[in-house]
Amino acid sequence: MPVKPIPDTSPRVIPMLVCRNPEVEIEFCKRVLNAEVGVRRPGPDGNTIHAALVVGEARIIIQAEFPQLASVAPQPDGSSPSSFSFT
C-alpha cells in the first residue's frame, strides 16, 4: 500500500522554518511551544537536517539551510522574507 505524503489527519498548511542550527530551533520550540518531535532526520554528519514538530494539533517543519538549493535561513540581523505568529 503506498504511503500518502500528507496524511488525512495532517493540517493542510504546515509552516517550514529554515535555520542554520536545527537542534537549537527544535529545543526552542520544545521549551517555548511545548512541541513534540514527530520525525527527525540526520544528515551525513549526524546533525539534524529535517524535523517535523507537533504543537497541539499543528505541525511545524524545521529544515537546515541549503544555500545551494536556495533554502537559506534568516539573516543574523533578523531580516527574513517571511514571518508568522502563533495565537
Protein backbone atom coordinates (compact mmCIF):
# COMPACT_ATOMS: atom_id res chain seq x y z
CA MET A 1 0.00 0.00 0.00
CA PRO A 2 1.52 3.38 -0.99
CA VAL A 3 2.19 5.91 1.76
CA LYS A 4 0.41 9.26 1.43
CA PRO A 5 2.86 12.21 1.54
CA ILE A 6 0.39 14.18 3.68
CA PRO A 7 -1.79 12.01 5.92
CA ASP A 8 -5.52 12.80 6.04
CA THR A 9 -5.13 13.77 9.71
CA SER A 10 -2.44 16.35 8.96
CA PRO A 11 -3.18 20.08 8.64
CA ARG A 12 -3.15 21.39 5.07
CA VAL A 13 -0.84 24.31 5.87
CA ILE A 14 2.43 23.35 7.51
CA PRO A 15 4.98 26.14 8.09
CA MET A 16 8.62 25.32 7.40
CA LEU A 17 11.33 27.17 9.28
CA VAL A 18 14.73 27.15 7.60
CA CYS A 19 17.54 27.68 10.11
CA ARG A 20 21.29 27.40 10.47
CA ASN A 21 21.11 25.19 13.56
CA PRO A 22 18.01 22.97 13.59
CA GLU A 23 18.87 21.48 17.00
CA VAL A 24 18.71 24.91 18.65
CA GLU A 25 15.40 25.68 16.93
CA ILE A 26 13.94 22.31 17.94
CA GLU A 27 14.92 22.84 21.59
CA PHE A 28 13.45 26.36 21.49
CA CYS A 29 10.13 25.05 20.13
CA LYS A 30 10.05 22.27 22.71
CA ARG A 31 10.68 24.71 25.57
CA VAL A 32 8.52 27.63 24.46
CA LEU A 33 5.71 25.92 22.48
CA ASN A 34 5.70 22.57 24.27
CA ALA A 35 6.39 20.98 20.86
CA GLU A 36 6.98 17.28 20.46
CA VAL A 37 9.35 15.88 17.86
CA GLY A 38 7.47 13.60 15.48
CA VAL A 39 10.24 12.89 12.96
CA ARG A 40 13.93 13.78 13.00
CA ARG A 41 16.28 13.06 10.08
CA PRO A 42 20.05 13.31 10.42
CA GLY A 43 22.41 14.48 7.70
CA PRO A 44 25.70 12.83 6.72
CA ASP A 45 27.46 14.44 9.71
CA GLY A 46 24.82 13.16 12.15
CA ASN A 47 23.29 16.59 12.82
CA THR A 48 19.57 17.08 12.26
CA ILE A 49 18.73 18.42 8.79
CA HIS A 50 14.93 17.93 8.97
CA ALA A 51 12.40 17.57 11.77
CA ALA A 52 8.62 17.55 11.99
CA LEU A 53 7.31 19.01 15.25
CA VAL A 54 3.82 18.71 16.66
CA VAL A 55 2.38 21.67 18.58
CA GLY A 56 -1.12 20.79 19.74
CA GLU A 57 -2.94 19.99 16.51
CA ALA A 58 -0.46 21.94 14.38
CA ARG A 59 2.76 20.83 12.74
CA ILE A 60 5.97 22.75 12.06
CA ILE A 61 8.81 21.61 9.82
CA ILE A 62 12.33 22.58 10.87
CA GLN A 63 14.79 22.43 7.98
CA ALA A 64 18.53 23.03 7.86
CA GLU A 65 19.53 25.66 5.35
CA PHE A 66 20.87 24.55 1.99
CA PRO A 67 22.14 27.68 0.22
CA GLN A 68 22.94 25.65 -2.91
CA LEU A 69 19.18 24.90 -3.13
CA ALA A 70 18.06 28.48 -2.38
CA SER A 71 16.93 27.34 1.07
CA VAL A 72 18.53 29.87 3.39
CA ALA A 73 17.88 30.90 6.97
CA PRO A 74 17.01 34.46 8.03
CA GLN A 75 19.98 36.78 8.27
CA PRO A 76 21.77 37.37 11.60
CA ASP A 77 20.26 40.89 11.71
CA GLY A 78 16.81 39.29 11.90
CA SER A 79 15.74 40.11 8.35
CA SER A 80 13.65 37.48 6.62
CA PRO A 81 11.38 37.37 3.56
CA SER A 82 8.56 35.88 5.66
CA SER A 83 7.17 35.55 9.15
CA PHE A 84 4.28 34.00 11.05
CA SER A 85 2.82 34.24 14.51
CA PHE A 86 1.10 31.96 17.00
CA THR A 87 -2.21 32.95 18.53
